[in-house]
Structure formats: structure tokens, C-alpha cells
N, C-alpha and C. Protein backbone atom coordinates (compact mmCIF):
# COMPACT_ATOMS: atom_id res chain seq x y z
N MET A 1 113.42 72.20 109.86
CA MET A 1 112.13 72.74 109.50
C MET A 1 111.94 74.07 110.22
N SER A 2 111.64 75.12 109.48
CA SER A 2 111.44 76.42 110.10
C SER A 2 109.95 76.65 110.38
N VAL A 3 109.69 77.43 111.42
CA VAL A 3 108.32 77.73 111.81
C VAL A 3 108.04 79.18 111.46
N ASP A 4 106.94 79.41 110.79
CA ASP A 4 106.52 80.77 110.47
C ASP A 4 106.16 81.47 111.78
N PRO A 5 106.77 82.63 112.07
CA PRO A 5 106.46 83.34 113.33
C PRO A 5 104.97 83.64 113.49
N SER A 6 104.28 83.93 112.40
CA SER A 6 102.84 84.20 112.49
C SER A 6 102.08 82.98 112.98
N ASP A 7 102.48 81.79 112.52
CA ASP A 7 101.84 80.56 112.98
C ASP A 7 102.11 80.32 114.45
N ALA A 8 103.32 80.60 114.89
CA ALA A 8 103.67 80.41 116.30
C ALA A 8 102.87 81.36 117.19
N ILE A 9 102.76 82.60 116.78
CA ILE A 9 101.98 83.58 117.56
C ILE A 9 100.52 83.19 117.58
N ARG A 10 99.98 82.78 116.44
CA ARG A 10 98.58 82.36 116.36
C ARG A 10 98.32 81.16 117.27
N ALA A 11 99.24 80.21 117.30
CA ALA A 11 99.07 79.02 118.15
C ALA A 11 99.04 79.41 119.63
N ILE A 12 99.90 80.33 120.03
CA ILE A 12 99.91 80.79 121.42
C ILE A 12 98.61 81.52 121.76
N ALA A 13 98.18 82.41 120.87
CA ALA A 13 96.95 83.18 121.11
C ALA A 13 95.74 82.26 121.17
N ASN A 14 95.70 81.24 120.32
CA ASN A 14 94.56 80.33 120.30
C ASN A 14 94.56 79.37 121.47
N ALA A 15 95.69 79.18 122.12
CA ALA A 15 95.76 78.27 123.25
C ALA A 15 95.12 78.86 124.50
N TYR A 16 94.92 80.15 124.52
CA TYR A 16 94.35 80.83 125.67
C TYR A 16 93.11 81.58 125.22
N GLY A 17 92.56 82.43 126.07
CA GLY A 17 91.33 83.14 125.75
C GLY A 17 91.56 84.52 125.17
N PHE A 18 92.77 84.79 124.66
CA PHE A 18 93.08 86.15 124.22
C PHE A 18 92.20 86.60 123.05
N GLY A 19 91.94 85.71 122.12
CA GLY A 19 91.07 86.06 120.99
C GLY A 19 89.67 86.42 121.46
N LEU A 20 89.15 85.66 122.41
CA LEU A 20 87.83 85.96 122.97
C LEU A 20 87.86 87.28 123.72
N GLN A 21 88.94 87.53 124.45
CA GLN A 21 89.09 88.79 125.17
C GLN A 21 89.01 89.97 124.20
N LEU A 22 89.73 89.89 123.09
CA LEU A 22 89.69 90.97 122.09
C LEU A 22 88.30 91.12 121.50
N ALA A 23 87.61 90.00 121.24
CA ALA A 23 86.26 90.06 120.68
C ALA A 23 85.28 90.70 121.66
N VAL A 24 85.38 90.34 122.94
CA VAL A 24 84.49 90.94 123.95
C VAL A 24 84.77 92.43 124.08
N GLU A 25 86.04 92.79 124.13
CA GLU A 25 86.40 94.21 124.23
C GLU A 25 85.86 94.99 123.03
N HIS A 26 86.02 94.43 121.84
CA HIS A 26 85.53 95.09 120.62
C HIS A 26 84.00 95.22 120.66
N ALA A 27 83.32 94.15 121.07
CA ALA A 27 81.85 94.17 121.12
C ALA A 27 81.35 95.25 122.08
N VAL A 28 81.99 95.37 123.24
CA VAL A 28 81.57 96.38 124.21
C VAL A 28 81.87 97.78 123.68
N THR A 29 83.06 97.96 123.12
CA THR A 29 83.47 99.27 122.62
C THR A 29 82.59 99.75 121.46
N GLU A 30 82.23 98.83 120.57
CA GLU A 30 81.49 99.20 119.37
C GLU A 30 79.97 99.16 119.53
N SER A 31 79.48 98.67 120.67
CA SER A 31 78.03 98.54 120.86
C SER A 31 77.46 99.80 121.49
N ASN A 32 76.17 99.90 121.40
CA ASN A 32 75.47 101.04 121.99
C ASN A 32 74.88 100.60 123.33
N THR A 33 75.75 100.28 124.28
CA THR A 33 75.31 99.87 125.61
C THR A 33 75.85 100.85 126.64
N PRO A 34 75.33 100.79 127.84
CA PRO A 34 75.85 101.67 128.89
C PRO A 34 77.15 101.16 129.51
N TRP A 35 77.72 100.08 128.96
CA TRP A 35 78.96 99.53 129.49
C TRP A 35 80.15 100.06 128.72
N ARG A 36 81.26 100.24 129.43
CA ARG A 36 82.51 100.64 128.77
C ARG A 36 83.66 99.84 129.37
N VAL A 37 84.72 99.69 128.58
CA VAL A 37 85.90 98.99 129.06
C VAL A 37 86.68 99.96 129.94
N ASN A 38 86.77 99.65 131.20
CA ASN A 38 87.46 100.51 132.15
C ASN A 38 88.94 100.15 132.25
N SER A 39 89.23 98.85 132.11
CA SER A 39 90.61 98.39 132.24
C SER A 39 90.78 97.07 131.51
N ARG A 40 91.97 96.85 130.97
CA ARG A 40 92.31 95.56 130.36
C ARG A 40 93.62 95.09 130.96
N GLU A 41 93.72 93.78 131.16
CA GLU A 41 94.89 93.20 131.83
C GLU A 41 95.16 93.94 133.14
N HIS A 42 94.10 94.06 133.93
CA HIS A 42 94.17 94.80 135.20
C HIS A 42 94.93 93.99 136.25
N GLY A 43 95.98 94.57 136.80
CA GLY A 43 96.83 93.89 137.77
C GLY A 43 96.27 93.92 139.18
N TRP A 44 96.47 92.83 139.88
CA TRP A 44 96.14 92.73 141.29
C TRP A 44 97.10 91.73 141.93
N ARG A 45 97.08 91.63 143.24
CA ARG A 45 98.03 90.75 143.92
C ARG A 45 97.26 89.75 144.79
N ASP A 46 97.74 88.53 144.78
CA ASP A 46 97.26 87.49 145.68
C ASP A 46 98.43 87.21 146.62
N GLY A 47 98.47 87.93 147.73
CA GLY A 47 99.65 87.88 148.60
C GLY A 47 100.82 88.51 147.87
N ASP A 48 101.88 87.75 147.67
CA ASP A 48 103.05 88.25 146.96
C ASP A 48 103.00 87.94 145.47
N GLU A 49 101.97 87.23 145.03
CA GLU A 49 101.90 86.79 143.63
C GLU A 49 101.09 87.78 142.78
N PRO A 50 101.72 88.39 141.76
CA PRO A 50 100.97 89.29 140.88
C PRO A 50 100.07 88.48 139.95
N LYS A 51 98.86 88.98 139.75
CA LYS A 51 97.90 88.34 138.85
C LYS A 51 97.23 89.42 138.01
N PHE A 52 96.47 88.97 137.01
CA PHE A 52 95.80 89.91 136.11
C PHE A 52 94.41 89.39 135.78
N VAL A 53 93.45 90.30 135.67
CA VAL A 53 92.13 89.96 135.12
C VAL A 53 92.07 90.53 133.72
N ASP A 54 91.33 89.86 132.84
CA ASP A 54 91.32 90.25 131.43
C ASP A 54 90.71 91.63 131.20
N LEU A 55 89.50 91.83 131.68
CA LEU A 55 88.80 93.10 131.45
C LEU A 55 88.03 93.51 132.69
N VAL A 56 87.91 94.81 132.89
CA VAL A 56 87.00 95.36 133.89
C VAL A 56 86.07 96.28 133.12
N LEU A 57 84.77 95.98 133.18
CA LEU A 57 83.76 96.80 132.52
C LEU A 57 83.05 97.63 133.57
N SER A 58 82.72 98.87 133.22
CA SER A 58 82.01 99.76 134.14
C SER A 58 80.73 100.24 133.47
N HIS A 59 79.67 100.34 134.27
CA HIS A 59 78.37 100.82 133.78
C HIS A 59 78.34 102.33 133.89
N SER A 60 77.82 102.97 132.86
CA SER A 60 77.81 104.44 132.84
C SER A 60 76.94 105.03 133.94
N GLY A 61 76.01 104.26 134.48
CA GLY A 61 75.18 104.75 135.57
C GLY A 61 75.92 104.81 136.89
N GLY A 62 77.12 104.24 136.91
CA GLY A 62 77.96 104.27 138.11
C GLY A 62 77.64 103.14 139.07
N GLY A 63 78.64 102.75 139.81
CA GLY A 63 78.45 101.77 140.87
C GLY A 63 78.48 100.31 140.46
N LEU A 64 78.39 100.01 139.17
CA LEU A 64 78.42 98.62 138.72
C LEU A 64 79.68 98.36 137.91
N HIS A 65 80.37 97.30 138.28
CA HIS A 65 81.58 96.91 137.56
C HIS A 65 81.54 95.40 137.35
N LEU A 66 82.01 94.96 136.21
CA LEU A 66 82.12 93.53 135.92
C LEU A 66 83.58 93.17 135.71
N VAL A 67 84.02 92.12 136.36
CA VAL A 67 85.35 91.58 136.12
C VAL A 67 85.16 90.42 135.16
N VAL A 68 85.83 90.49 134.00
CA VAL A 68 85.64 89.50 132.94
C VAL A 68 86.93 88.72 132.73
N GLU A 69 86.83 87.40 132.84
CA GLU A 69 87.93 86.50 132.55
C GLU A 69 87.55 85.67 131.33
N CYS A 70 88.38 85.65 130.33
CA CYS A 70 88.12 84.92 129.10
C CYS A 70 89.02 83.69 129.07
N LYS A 71 88.39 82.52 129.07
CA LYS A 71 89.15 81.26 129.10
C LYS A 71 88.86 80.45 127.85
N ARG A 72 89.85 79.76 127.39
CA ARG A 72 89.72 78.88 126.23
C ARG A 72 89.42 77.47 126.75
N THR A 73 88.38 76.86 126.22
CA THR A 73 88.11 75.47 126.58
C THR A 73 88.66 74.57 125.49
N GLN A 74 89.01 73.38 125.85
CA GLN A 74 89.49 72.41 124.89
C GLN A 74 88.41 71.33 124.74
N GLY A 75 87.97 71.13 123.51
CA GLY A 75 86.98 70.09 123.25
C GLY A 75 85.59 70.45 123.73
N GLY A 76 85.30 71.71 123.87
CA GLY A 76 83.99 72.14 124.34
C GLY A 76 83.11 72.62 123.20
N VAL A 77 81.97 73.15 123.56
CA VAL A 77 81.03 73.71 122.60
C VAL A 77 80.74 75.14 123.03
N TRP A 78 80.82 76.06 122.08
CA TRP A 78 80.51 77.47 122.34
C TRP A 78 79.17 77.78 121.70
N VAL A 79 78.30 78.43 122.43
CA VAL A 79 77.03 78.89 121.89
C VAL A 79 77.11 80.41 121.85
N LEU A 80 77.09 80.95 120.64
CA LEU A 80 77.21 82.39 120.45
C LEU A 80 75.87 82.97 120.08
N GLY A 81 75.39 83.92 120.86
CA GLY A 81 74.09 84.53 120.60
C GLY A 81 74.23 85.69 119.64
N GLY A 82 73.12 86.17 119.16
CA GLY A 82 73.10 87.29 118.24
C GLY A 82 71.92 87.16 117.30
N ALA A 83 71.96 87.93 116.22
CA ALA A 83 70.87 87.89 115.25
C ALA A 83 70.71 86.50 114.67
N ALA A 84 71.82 85.81 114.44
CA ALA A 84 71.79 84.44 113.92
C ALA A 84 72.65 83.57 114.85
N PRO A 85 72.06 83.07 115.96
CA PRO A 85 72.85 82.28 116.90
C PRO A 85 73.52 81.08 116.20
N SER A 86 74.69 80.72 116.69
CA SER A 86 75.39 79.57 116.11
C SER A 86 76.06 78.78 117.22
N ILE A 87 76.33 77.53 116.91
CA ILE A 87 77.02 76.65 117.85
C ILE A 87 78.30 76.21 117.19
N LEU A 88 79.41 76.38 117.90
CA LEU A 88 80.72 76.01 117.37
C LEU A 88 81.32 74.92 118.24
N ALA A 89 81.69 73.83 117.66
CA ALA A 89 82.38 72.77 118.38
C ALA A 89 83.88 72.98 118.23
N ILE A 90 84.60 72.91 119.34
CA ILE A 90 86.06 73.11 119.30
C ILE A 90 86.76 71.93 119.92
């Protein structure tokens, strides 16, 4: 049985928070807020171990930065706000 590469990639992406990371980045980039994406997959070290944070957002007023980690939950409930809030069970 062969596996479609697109299905394999989709399964990997859905297993982690990468889709949410892209959605958050897009929302910040396309919105009219004072926040901007300063860095994505920003590297740092914990002793000798390299690690990465998903996004670093910076406020245009200066001095404020947010470190954003996007995690996928299994069997949880997501509440998404907006003009028409919705609840998604996963």
C-alpha cells in the first residue's frame, strides 16, 4: 500500500501546532494592530541543547515582545473568538 506524500505531510503538520502557528502569523501580519512578527522559529539554547520558539511578536511602540508557542492538544476543545465565535472539538 502506497502513502500519498501530501497525506503524510498533512498528518505530520496536524500532529503539532504548525497549522496554528501559520494561522497566528497570518492573523498578525494581515491585521491592523501595532504588533508585528519579529521572528519565527527563533533559536535559543538551554545549556547545550538547541531549542526553538514558534514566534516572537514585537509591539510597534517598542519595549514589548511576546514569545508565542503554538501547541496541538489531543481531544481538547478550542474556542476561537471573532465576529462569529465558534467552538471546535478535536
